[in-house]
Amino acid sequence: MPALLGLLETGDFFEREAAAWPLAEISGAGHLRELLSAYQKGFEEGHDNDGFTAALLEIPALFPFEARSELTKLANAANDPIRAHCLWLLEFCVTA
């Protein structure tokens, strides 16, 4: 896990995107803050983040209740643009 988290900090978009998939599937909502920060960095660099978006969408699909709880906490604590990403991803979480 530490190696994957380290890849999110790199200057290489493709490494960050590649690390997002296993992190999303293994840790679920546990590393949303780090994932969303790396996701935003891709936008700031001019990438469309389509692969990263797909990886993030795995989190509410695989861990719906945990994702909803963590995203709600992050949305209340984070500033934009991370807050906006949380609100977007919350749209894919189970409401029951």
PDB file of N, CA and C in Angstrom:
ATOM      1  N   MET A   1       0.809  -1.194   0.000  1.00  0.00           N
ATOM      2  CA  MET A   1       0.000   0.000   0.000  1.00  0.00           C
ATOM      3  C   MET A   1       0.860   1.270   0.000  1.00  0.00           C
ATOM      4  N   PRO A   2       1.936   1.333   0.800  1.00  0.00           N
ATOM      5  CA  PRO A   2       2.758   2.546   0.793  1.00  0.00           C
ATOM      6  C   PRO A   2       3.336   2.872  -0.585  1.00  0.00           C
ATOM      7  N   ALA A   3       3.710   1.848  -1.344  1.00  0.00           N
ATOM      8  CA  ALA A   3       4.256   2.101  -2.682  1.00  0.00           C
ATOM      9  C   ALA A   3       3.196   2.712  -3.591  1.00  0.00           C
ATOM     10  N   LEU A   4       1.978   2.216  -3.508  1.00  0.00           N
ATOM     11  CA  LEU A   4       0.895   2.771  -4.323  1.00  0.00           C
ATOM     12  C   LEU A   4       0.592   4.210  -3.922  1.00  0.00           C
ATOM     13  N   LEU A   5       0.561   4.471  -2.637  1.00  0.00           N
ATOM     14  CA  LEU A   5       0.323   5.839  -2.173  1.00  0.00           C
ATOM     15  C   LEU A   5       1.439   6.771  -2.632  1.00  0.00           C
ATOM     16  N   GLY A   6       2.661   6.261  -2.646  1.00  0.00           N
ATOM     17  CA  GLY A   6       3.783   7.052  -3.135  1.00  0.00           C
ATOM     18  C   GLY A   6       3.642   7.420  -4.598  1.00  0.00           C
ATOM     19  N   LEU A   7       3.075   6.518  -5.381  1.00  0.00           N
ATOM     20  CA  LEU A   7       2.874   6.806  -6.802  1.00  0.00           C
ATOM     21  C   LEU A   7       1.869   7.934  -7.020  1.00  0.00           C
ATOM     22  N   LEU A   8       0.938   8.103  -6.100  1.00  0.00           N
ATOM     23  CA  LEU A   8      -0.020   9.208  -6.223  1.00  0.00           C
ATOM     24  C   LEU A   8       0.659  10.562  -6.088  1.00  0.00           C
ATOM     25  N   GLU A   9       1.843  10.575  -5.481  1.00  0.00           N
ATOM     26  CA  GLU A   9       2.573  11.820  -5.251  1.00  0.00           C
ATOM     27  C   GLU A   9       3.534  12.165  -6.387  1.00  0.00           C
ATOM     28  N   THR A  10       3.683  11.268  -7.350  1.00  0.00           N
ATOM     29  CA  THR A  10       4.662  11.505  -8.404  1.00  0.00           C
ATOM     30  C   THR A  10       4.188  12.582  -9.365  1.00  0.00           C
ATOM     31  N   GLY A  11       5.115  13.063 -10.153  1.00  0.00           N
ATOM     32  CA  GLY A  11       4.788  14.037 -11.184  1.00  0.00           C
ATOM     33  C   GLY A  11       4.300  13.397 -12.462  1.00  0.00           C
ATOM     34  N   ASP A  12       4.220  12.085 -12.489  1.00  0.00           N
ATOM     35  CA  ASP A  12       3.811  11.365 -13.696  1.00  0.00           C
ATOM     36  C   ASP A  12       2.330  11.001 -13.622  1.00  0.00           C
ATOM     37  N   PHE A  13       1.555  11.605 -14.499  1.00  0.00           N
ATOM     38  CA  PHE A  13       0.115  11.372 -14.532  1.00  0.00           C
ATOM     39  C   PHE A  13      -0.217   9.897 -14.695  1.00  0.00           C
ATOM     40  N   PHE A  14       0.499   9.218 -15.572  1.00  0.00           N
ATOM     41  CA  PHE A  14       0.184   7.822 -15.862  1.00  0.00           C
ATOM     42  C   PHE A  14       0.453   6.918 -14.659  1.00  0.00           C
ATOM     43  N   GLU A  15       1.484   7.221 -13.898  1.00  0.00           N
ATOM     44  CA  GLU A  15       1.742   6.462 -12.669  1.00  0.00           C
ATOM     45  C   GLU A  15       0.641   6.699 -11.643  1.00  0.00           C
ATOM     46  N   ARG A  16       0.209   7.946 -11.523  1.00  0.00           N
ATOM     47  CA  ARG A  16      -0.876   8.247 -10.573  1.00  0.00           C
ATOM     48  C   ARG A  16      -2.149   7.510 -10.969  1.00  0.00           C
ATOM     49  N   GLU A  17      -2.482   7.554 -12.255  1.00  0.00           N
ATOM     50  CA  GLU A  17      -3.695   6.881 -12.723  1.00  0.00           C
ATOM     51  C   GLU A  17      -3.593   5.366 -12.538  1.00  0.00           C
ATOM     52  N   ALA A  18      -2.432   4.801 -12.823  1.00  0.00           N
ATOM     53  CA  ALA A  18      -2.246   3.355 -12.657  1.00  0.00           C
ATOM     54  C   ALA A  18      -2.367   2.952 -11.190  1.00  0.00           C
ATOM     55  N   ALA A  19      -1.885   3.772 -10.289  1.00  0.00           N
ATOM     56  CA  ALA A  19      -1.976   3.470  -8.857  1.00  0.00           C
ATOM     57  C   ALA A  19      -3.403   3.601  -8.340  1.00  0.00           C
ATOM     58  N   ALA A  20      -4.207   4.420  -8.986  1.00  0.00           N
ATOM     59  CA  ALA A  20      -5.580   4.655  -8.517  1.00  0.00           C
ATOM     60  C   ALA A  20      -6.417   3.382  -8.544  1.00  0.00           C
ATOM     61  N   TRP A  21      -6.237   2.555  -9.567  1.00  0.00           N
ATOM     62  CA  TRP A  21      -7.062   1.342  -9.687  1.00  0.00           C
ATOM     63  C   TRP A  21      -6.896   0.386  -8.515  1.00  0.00           C
ATOM     64  N   PRO A  22      -5.685  -0.078  -8.216  1.00  0.00           N
ATOM     65  CA  PRO A  22      -5.573  -1.009  -7.085  1.00  0.00           C
ATOM     66  C   PRO A  22      -5.919  -0.358  -5.751  1.00  0.00           C
ATOM     67  N   LEU A  23      -5.603   0.922  -5.590  1.00  0.00           N
ATOM     68  CA  LEU A  23      -5.974   1.589  -4.341  1.00  0.00           C
ATOM     69  C   LEU A  23      -7.489   1.637  -4.173  1.00  0.00           C
ATOM     70  N   ALA A  24      -8.186   1.956  -5.236  1.00  0.00           N
ATOM     71  CA  ALA A  24      -9.651   2.019  -5.172  1.00  0.00           C
ATOM     72  C   ALA A  24     -10.239   0.657  -4.838  1.00  0.00           C
ATOM     73  N   GLU A  25      -9.704  -0.377  -5.451  1.00  0.00           N
ATOM     74  CA  GLU A  25     -10.273  -1.712  -5.270  1.00  0.00           C
ATOM     75  C   GLU A  25      -9.854  -2.370  -3.955  1.00  0.00           C
ATOM     76  N   ILE A  26      -8.674  -2.042  -3.453  1.00  0.00           N
ATOM     77  CA  ILE A  26      -8.178  -2.666  -2.226  1.00  0.00           C
ATOM     78  C   ILE A  26      -8.568  -1.865  -0.984  1.00  0.00           C
ATOM     79  N   SER A  27      -8.303  -0.580  -1.020  1.00  0.00           N
ATOM     80  CA  SER A  27      -8.535   0.217   0.193  1.00  0.00           C
ATOM     81  C   SER A  27      -9.886   0.906   0.208  1.00  0.00           C
ATOM     82  N   GLY A  28     -10.563   0.934  -0.919  1.00  0.00           N
ATOM     83  CA  GLY A  28     -11.881   1.552  -0.966  1.00  0.00           C
ATOM     84  C   GLY A  28     -11.845   3.000  -0.536  1.00  0.00           C
ATOM     85  N   ALA A  29     -12.681   3.330   0.430  1.00  0.00           N
ATOM     86  CA  ALA A  29     -12.807   4.714   0.889  1.00  0.00           C
ATOM     87  C   ALA A  29     -11.656   5.136   1.800  1.00  0.00           C
ATOM     88  N   GLY A  30     -10.793   4.209   2.148  1.00  0.00           N
ATOM     89  CA  GLY A  30      -9.721   4.495   3.093  1.00  0.00           C
ATOM     90  C   GLY A  30      -8.710   5.530   2.651  1.00  0.00           C
ATOM     91  N   HIS A  31      -8.571   5.731   1.359  1.00  0.00           N
ATOM     92  CA  HIS A  31      -7.586   6.693   0.860  1.00  0.00           C
ATOM     93  C   HIS A  31      -8.213   7.672  -0.124  1.00  0.00           C
ATOM     94  N   LEU A  32      -9.461   8.021   0.113  1.00  0.00           N
ATOM     95  CA  LEU A  32     -10.141   8.951  -0.792  1.00  0.00           C
ATOM     96  C   LEU A  32      -9.469  10.314  -0.858  1.00  0.00           C
ATOM     97  N   ARG A  33      -9.028  10.826   0.264  1.00  0.00           N
ATOM     98  CA  ARG A  33      -8.387  12.153   0.256  1.00  0.00           C
ATOM     99  C   ARG A  33      -7.174  12.154  -0.675  1.00  0.00           C
ATOM    100  N   GLU A  34      -6.330  11.142  -0.556  1.00  0.00           N
ATOM    101  CA  GLU A  34      -5.138  11.065  -1.393  1.00  0.00           C
ATOM    102  C   GLU A  34      -5.505  10.865  -2.862  1.00  0.00           C
ATOM    103  N   LEU A  35      -6.482  10.008  -3.104  1.00  0.00           N
ATOM    104  CA  LEU A  35      -6.920   9.763  -4.481  1.00  0.00           C
ATOM    105  C   LEU A  35      -7.493  11.024  -5.112  1.00  0.00           C
ATOM    106  N   LEU A  36      -8.320  11.740  -4.385  1.00  0.00           N
ATOM    107  CA  LEU A  36      -8.929  12.948  -4.941  1.00  0.00           C
ATOM    108  C   LEU A  36      -7.907  14.058  -5.153  1.00  0.00           C
ATOM    109  N   SER A  37      -6.895  14.130  -4.316  1.00  0.00           N
ATOM    110  CA  SER A  37      -5.824  15.113  -4.522  1.00  0.00           C
ATOM    111  C   SER A  37      -5.049  14.802  -5.794  1.00  0.00           C
ATOM    112  N   ALA A  38      -4.741  13.525  -6.008  1.00  0.00           N
ATOM    113  CA  ALA A  38      -4.038  13.123  -7.229  1.00  0.00           C
ATOM    114  C   ALA A  38      -4.925  13.328  -8.454  1.00  0.00           C
ATOM    115  N   TYR A  39      -6.206  13.068  -8.308  1.00  0.00           N
ATOM    116  CA  TYR A  39      -7.187  13.285  -9.379  1.00  0.00           C
ATOM    117  C   TYR A  39      -7.198  14.758  -9.792  1.00  0.00           C
ATOM    118  N   GLN A  40      -7.240  15.647  -8.821  1.00  0.00           N
ATOM    119  CA  GLN A  40      -7.247  17.077  -9.120  1.00  0.00           C
ATOM    120  C   GLN A  40      -5.958  17.506  -9.802  1.00  0.00           C
ATOM    121  N   LYS A  41      -4.843  16.939  -9.372  1.00  0.00           N
ATOM    122  CA  LYS A  41      -3.553  17.282  -9.987  1.00  0.00           C
ATOM    123  C   LYS A  41      -3.583  16.976 -11.483  1.00  0.00           C
ATOM    124  N   GLY A  42      -4.237  15.872 -11.862  1.00  0.00           N
ATOM    125  CA  GLY A  42      -4.368  15.545 -13.279  1.00  0.00           C
ATOM    126  C   GLY A  42      -5.118  16.617 -14.047  1.00  0.00           C
ATOM    127  N   PHE A  43      -6.205  17.128 -13.482  1.00  0.00           N
ATOM    128  CA  PHE A  43      -6.947  18.211 -14.136  1.00  0.00           C
ATOM    129  C   PHE A  43      -6.086  19.458 -14.263  1.00  0.00           C
ATOM    130  N   GLU A  44      -5.352  19.767 -13.213  1.00  0.00           N
ATOM    131  CA  GLU A  44      -4.490  20.950 -13.237  1.00  0.00           C
ATOM    132  C   GLU A  44      -3.410  20.840 -14.303  1.00  0.00           C
ATOM    133  N   GLU A  45      -3.017  19.614 -14.629  1.00  0.00           N
ATOM    134  CA  GLU A  45      -2.010  19.382 -15.668  1.00  0.00           C
ATOM    135  C   GLU A  45      -2.628  19.304 -17.060  1.00  0.00           C
ATOM    136  N   GLY A  46      -3.961  19.395 -17.144  1.00  0.00           N
ATOM    137  CA  GLY A  46      -4.626  19.394 -18.440  1.00  0.00           C
ATOM    138  C   GLY A  46      -5.091  18.038 -18.936  1.00  0.00           C
ATOM    139  N   HIS A  47      -5.118  17.033 -18.079  1.00  0.00           N
ATOM    140  CA  HIS A  47      -5.569  15.701 -18.475  1.00  0.00           C
ATOM    141  C   HIS A  47      -7.082  15.582 -18.316  1.00  0.00           C
ATOM    142  N   ASP A  48      -7.689  14.686 -19.088  1.00  0.00           N
ATOM    143  CA  ASP A  48      -9.137  14.486 -18.970  1.00  0.00           C
ATOM    144  C   ASP A  48      -9.498  13.540 -17.827  1.00  0.00           C
ATOM    145  N   ASN A  49      -8.527  12.797 -17.321  1.00  0.00           N
ATOM    146  CA  ASN A  49      -8.716  11.920 -16.157  1.00  0.00           C
ATOM    147  C   ASN A  49      -9.762  10.836 -16.369  1.00  0.00           C
ATOM    148  N   ASP A  50     -10.008  10.425 -17.602  1.00  0.00           N
ATOM    149  CA  ASP A  50     -11.068   9.436 -17.833  1.00  0.00           C
ATOM    150  C   ASP A  50     -10.782   8.099 -17.155  1.00  0.00           C
ATOM    151  N   GLY A  51      -9.555   7.630 -17.215  1.00  0.00           N
ATOM    152  CA  GLY A  51      -9.210   6.381 -16.540  1.00  0.00           C
ATOM    153  C   GLY A  51      -9.255   6.522 -15.026  1.00  0.00           C
ATOM    154  N   PHE A  52      -8.793   7.652 -14.530  1.00  0.00           N
ATOM    155  CA  PHE A  52      -8.818   7.912 -13.093  1.00  0.00           C
ATOM    156  C   PHE A  52     -10.268   8.014 -12.613  1.00  0.00           C
ATOM    157  N   THR A  53     -11.113   8.647 -13.418  1.00  0.00           N
ATOM    158  CA  THR A  53     -12.538   8.749 -13.089  1.00  0.00           C
ATOM    159  C   THR A  53     -13.149   7.362 -12.947  1.00  0.00           C
ATOM    160  N   ALA A  54     -12.839   6.490 -13.883  1.00  0.00           N
ATOM    161  CA  ALA A  54     -13.371   5.125 -13.830  1.00  0.00           C
ATOM    162  C   ALA A  54     -12.898   4.403 -12.570  1.00  0.00           C
ATOM    163  N   ALA A  55     -11.641   4.613 -12.197  1.00  0.00           N
ATOM    164  CA  ALA A  55     -11.123   3.988 -10.974  1.00  0.00           C
ATOM    165  C   ALA A  55     -11.862   4.512  -9.747  1.00  0.00           C
ATOM    166  N   LEU A  56     -12.086   5.815  -9.688  1.00  0.00           N
ATOM    167  CA  LEU A  56     -12.808   6.389  -8.551  1.00  0.00           C
ATOM    168  C   LEU A  56     -14.231   5.858  -8.457  1.00  0.00           C
ATOM    169  N   LEU A  57     -14.862   5.631  -9.589  1.00  0.00           N
ATOM    170  CA  LEU A  57     -16.236   5.124  -9.590  1.00  0.00           C
ATOM    171  C   LEU A  57     -16.335   3.701  -9.048  1.00  0.00           C
ATOM    172  N   GLU A  58     -15.210   2.995  -9.007  1.00  0.00           N
ATOM    173  CA  GLU A  58     -15.198   1.662  -8.405  1.00  0.00           C
ATOM    174  C   GLU A  58     -15.465   1.723  -6.900  1.00  0.00           C
ATOM    175  N   ILE A  59     -15.073   2.811  -6.274  1.00  0.00           N
ATOM    176  CA  ILE A  59     -15.195   2.896  -4.814  1.00  0.00           C
ATOM    177  C   ILE A  59     -16.653   2.847  -4.366  1.00  0.00           C
ATOM    178  N   PRO A  60     -17.540   3.706  -4.871  1.00  0.00           N
ATOM    179  CA  PRO A  60     -18.939   3.576  -4.432  1.00  0.00           C
ATOM    180  C   PRO A  60     -19.602   2.295  -4.927  1.00  0.00           C
ATOM    181  N   ALA A  61     -19.103   1.746  -6.025  1.00  0.00           N
ATOM    182  CA  ALA A  61     -19.670   0.490  -6.524  1.00  0.00           C
ATOM    183  C   ALA A  61     -19.307  -0.683  -5.612  1.00  0.00           C
ATOM    184  N   LEU A  62     -18.068  -0.711  -5.127  1.00  0.00           N
ATOM    185  CA  LEU A  62     -17.601  -1.823  -4.298  1.00  0.00           C
ATOM    186  C   LEU A  62     -17.833  -1.614  -2.799  1.00  0.00           C
ATOM    187  N   PHE A  63     -17.801  -0.367  -2.374  1.00  0.00           N
ATOM    188  CA  PHE A  63     -17.899  -0.029  -0.944  1.00  0.00           C
ATOM    189  C   PHE A  63     -18.917   1.094  -0.749  1.00  0.00           C
ATOM    190  N   PRO A  64     -20.176   0.874  -1.085  1.00  0.00           N
ATOM    191  CA  PRO A  64     -21.144   1.978  -1.132  1.00  0.00           C
ATOM    192  C   PRO A  64     -21.353   2.716   0.189  1.00  0.00           C
ATOM    193  N   PHE A  65     -21.486   2.012   1.274  1.00  0.00           N
ATOM    194  CA  PHE A  65     -21.776   2.679   2.546  1.00  0.00           C
ATOM    195  C   PHE A  65     -20.548   3.369   3.120  1.00  0.00           C
ATOM    196  N   GLU A  66     -19.393   2.702   3.021  1.00  0.00           N
ATOM    197  CA  GLU A  66     -18.152   3.306   3.493  1.00  0.00           C
ATOM    198  C   GLU A  66     -17.822   4.553   2.676  1.00  0.00           C
ATOM    199  N   ALA A  67     -18.026   4.464   1.362  1.00  0.00           N
ATOM    200  CA  ALA A  67     -17.744   5.601   0.490  1.00  0.00           C
ATOM    201  C   ALA A  67     -18.632   6.783   0.849  1.00  0.00           C
ATOM    202  N   ARG A  68     -19.907   6.528   1.049  1.00  0.00           N
ATOM    203  CA  ARG A  68     -20.838   7.608   1.389  1.00  0.00           C
ATOM    204  C   ARG A  68     -20.415   8.306   2.682  1.00  0.00           C
ATOM    205  N   SER A  69     -20.072   7.532   3.682  1.00  0.00           N
ATOM    206  CA  SER A  69     -19.664   8.102   4.964  1.00  0.00           C
ATOM    207  C   SER A  69     -18.401   8.950   4.826  1.00  0.00           C
ATOM    208  N   GLU A  70     -17.386   8.398   4.182  1.00  0.00           N
ATOM    209  CA  GLU A  70     -16.108   9.108   4.047  1.00  0.00           C
ATOM    210  C   GLU A  70     -16.239  10.334   3.149  1.00  0.00           C
ATOM    211  N   LEU A  71     -16.968  10.216   2.054  1.00  0.00           N
ATOM    212  CA  LEU A  71     -17.150  11.355   1.149  1.00  0.00           C
ATOM    213  C   LEU A  71     -17.921  12.486   1.822  1.00  0.00           C
ATOM    214  N   THR A  72     -18.885  12.140   2.639  1.00  0.00           N
ATOM    215  CA  THR A  72     -19.637  13.166   3.366  1.00  0.00           C
ATOM    216  C   THR A  72     -18.716  13.922   4.316  1.00  0.00           C
ATOM    217  N   LYS A  73     -17.862  13.189   5.038  1.00  0.00           N
ATOM    218  CA  LYS A  73     -16.895  13.831   5.938  1.00  0.00           C
ATOM    219  C   LYS A  73     -15.946  14.734   5.160  1.00  0.00           C
ATOM    220  N   LEU A  74     -15.411  14.210   4.061  1.00  0.00           N
ATOM    221  CA  LEU A  74     -14.474  14.992   3.255  1.00  0.00           C
ATOM    222  C   LEU A  74     -15.136  16.226   2.661  1.00  0.00           C
ATOM    223  N   ALA A  75     -16.347  16.081   2.167  1.00  0.00           N
ATOM    224  CA  ALA A  75     -17.053  17.213   1.560  1.00  0.00           C
ATOM    225  C   ALA A  75     -17.268  18.329   2.578  1.00  0.00           C
ATOM    226  N   ASN A  76     -17.503  17.962   3.817  1.00  0.00           N
ATOM    227  CA  ASN A  76     -17.721  18.964   4.862  1.00  0.00           C
ATOM    228  C   ASN A  76     -16.429  19.622   5.323  1.00  0.00           C
ATOM    229  N   ALA A  77     -15.303  18.953   5.138  1.00  0.00           N
ATOM    230  CA  ALA A  77     -14.029  19.464   5.634  1.00  0.00           C
ATOM    231  C   ALA A  77     -13.140  20.061   4.549  1.00  0.00           C
ATOM    232  N   ALA A  78     -13.307  19.632   3.316  1.00  0.00           N
ATOM    233  CA  ALA A  78     -12.395  20.032   2.244  1.00  0.00           C
ATOM    234  C   ALA A  78     -12.839  21.337   1.584  1.00  0.00           C
ATOM    235  N   ASN A  79     -11.882  21.959   0.929  1.00  0.00           N
ATOM    236  CA  ASN A  79     -12.157  23.132   0.103  1.00  0.00           C
ATOM    237  C   ASN A  79     -12.305  22.690  -1.339  1.00  0.00           C
ATOM    238  N   ASP A  80     -12.882  23.570  -2.163  1.00  0.00           N
ATOM    239  CA  ASP A  80     -12.927  23.278  -3.591  1.00  0.00           C
ATOM    240  C   ASP A  80     -11.508  23.288  -4.115  1.00  0.00           C
ATOM    241  N   PRO A  81     -11.200  22.474  -5.078  1.00  0.00           N
ATOM    242  CA  PRO A  81     -12.045  21.608  -5.899  1.00  0.00           C
ATOM    243  C   PRO A  81     -12.277  20.209  -5.315  1.00  0.00           C
ATOM    244  N   ILE A  82     -11.560  19.853  -4.249  1.00  0.00           N
ATOM    245  CA  ILE A  82     -11.738  18.516  -3.658  1.00  0.00           C
ATOM    246  C   ILE A  82     -13.180  18.341  -3.182  1.00  0.00           C
ATOM    247  N   ARG A  83     -13.736  19.365  -2.595  1.00  0.00           N
ATOM    248  CA  ARG A  83     -15.127  19.299  -2.132  1.00  0.00           C
ATOM    249  C   ARG A  83     -16.057  18.994  -3.301  1.00  0.00           C
ATOM    250  N   ALA A  84     -15.841  19.641  -4.414  1.00  0.00           N
ATOM    251  CA  ALA A  84     -16.676  19.404  -5.601  1.00  0.00           C
ATOM    252  C   ALA A  84     -16.543  17.965  -6.090  1.00  0.00           C
ATOM    253  N   HIS A  85     -15.348  17.418  -6.036  1.00  0.00           N
ATOM    254  CA  HIS A  85     -15.156  16.014  -6.435  1.00  0.00           C
ATOM    255  C   HIS A  85     -15.897  15.077  -5.479  1.00  0.00           C
ATOM    256  N   CYS A  86     -15.879  15.402  -4.194  1.00  0.00           N
ATOM    257  CA  CYS A  86     -16.616  14.591  -3.207  1.00  0.00           C
ATOM    258  C   CYS A  86     -18.109  14.614  -3.507  1.00  0.00           C
ATOM    259  N   LEU A  87     -18.638  15.790  -3.760  1.00  0.00           N
ATOM    260  CA  LEU A  87     -20.072  15.913  -4.038  1.00  0.00           C
ATOM    261  C   LEU A  87     -20.450  15.159  -5.304  1.00  0.00           C
ATOM    262  N   TRP A  88     -19.590  15.216  -6.314  1.00  0.00           N
ATOM    263  CA  TRP A  88     -19.839  14.473  -7.555  1.00  0.00           C
ATOM    264  C   TRP A  88     -19.860  12.972  -7.271  1.00  0.00           C
ATOM    265  N   LEU A  89     -18.872  12.476  -6.541  1.00  0.00           N
ATOM    266  CA  LEU A  89     -18.772  11.044  -6.282  1.00  0.00           C
ATOM    267  C   LEU A  89     -19.894  10.555  -5.356  1.00  0.00           C
ATOM    268  N   LEU A  90     -20.386  11.425  -4.511  1.00  0.00           N
ATOM    269  CA  LEU A  90     -21.517  11.070  -3.650  1.00  0.00           C
ATOM    270  C   LEU A  90     -22.762  10.722  -4.460  1.00  0.00           C
ATOM    271  N   GLU A  91     -22.869  11.269  -5.654  1.00  0.00           N
ATOM    272  CA  GLU A  91     -24.023  10.974  -6.514  1.00  0.00           C
ATOM    273  C   GLU A  91     -24.101   9.492  -6.874  1.00  0.00           C
ATOM    274  N   PHE A  92     -22.996   8.777  -6.750  1.00  0.00           N
ATOM    275  CA  PHE A  92     -22.940   7.365  -7.118  1.00  0.00           C
ATOM    276  C   PHE A  92     -23.031   6.433  -5.907  1.00  0.00           C
ATOM    277  N   CYS A  93     -23.240   7.004  -4.741  1.00  0.00           N
ATOM    278  CA  CYS A  93     -23.315   6.207  -3.516  1.00  0.00           C
ATOM    279  C   CYS A  93     -24.752   5.816  -3.199  1.00  0.00           C
ATOM    280  N   VAL A  94     -24.878   4.680  -2.561  1.00  0.00           N
ATOM    281  CA  VAL A  94     -26.175   4.185  -2.110  1.00  0.00           C
ATOM    282  C   VAL A  94     -26.724   5.138  -1.054  1.00  0.00           C
ATOM    283  N   THR A  95     -28.010   5.411  -1.115  1.00  0.00           N
ATOM    284  CA  THR A  95     -28.613   6.339  -0.156  1.00  0.00           C
ATOM    285  C   THR A  95     -29.300   5.644   1.007  1.00  0.00           C
ATOM    286  N   ALA A  96     -29.533   4.359   0.905  1.00  0.00           N
ATOM    287  CA  ALA A  96     -30.253   3.649   1.979  1.00  0.00           C
ATOM    288  C   ALA A  96     -29.322   3.239   3.098  1.00  0.00           C
TER     289      ALA A  96
END
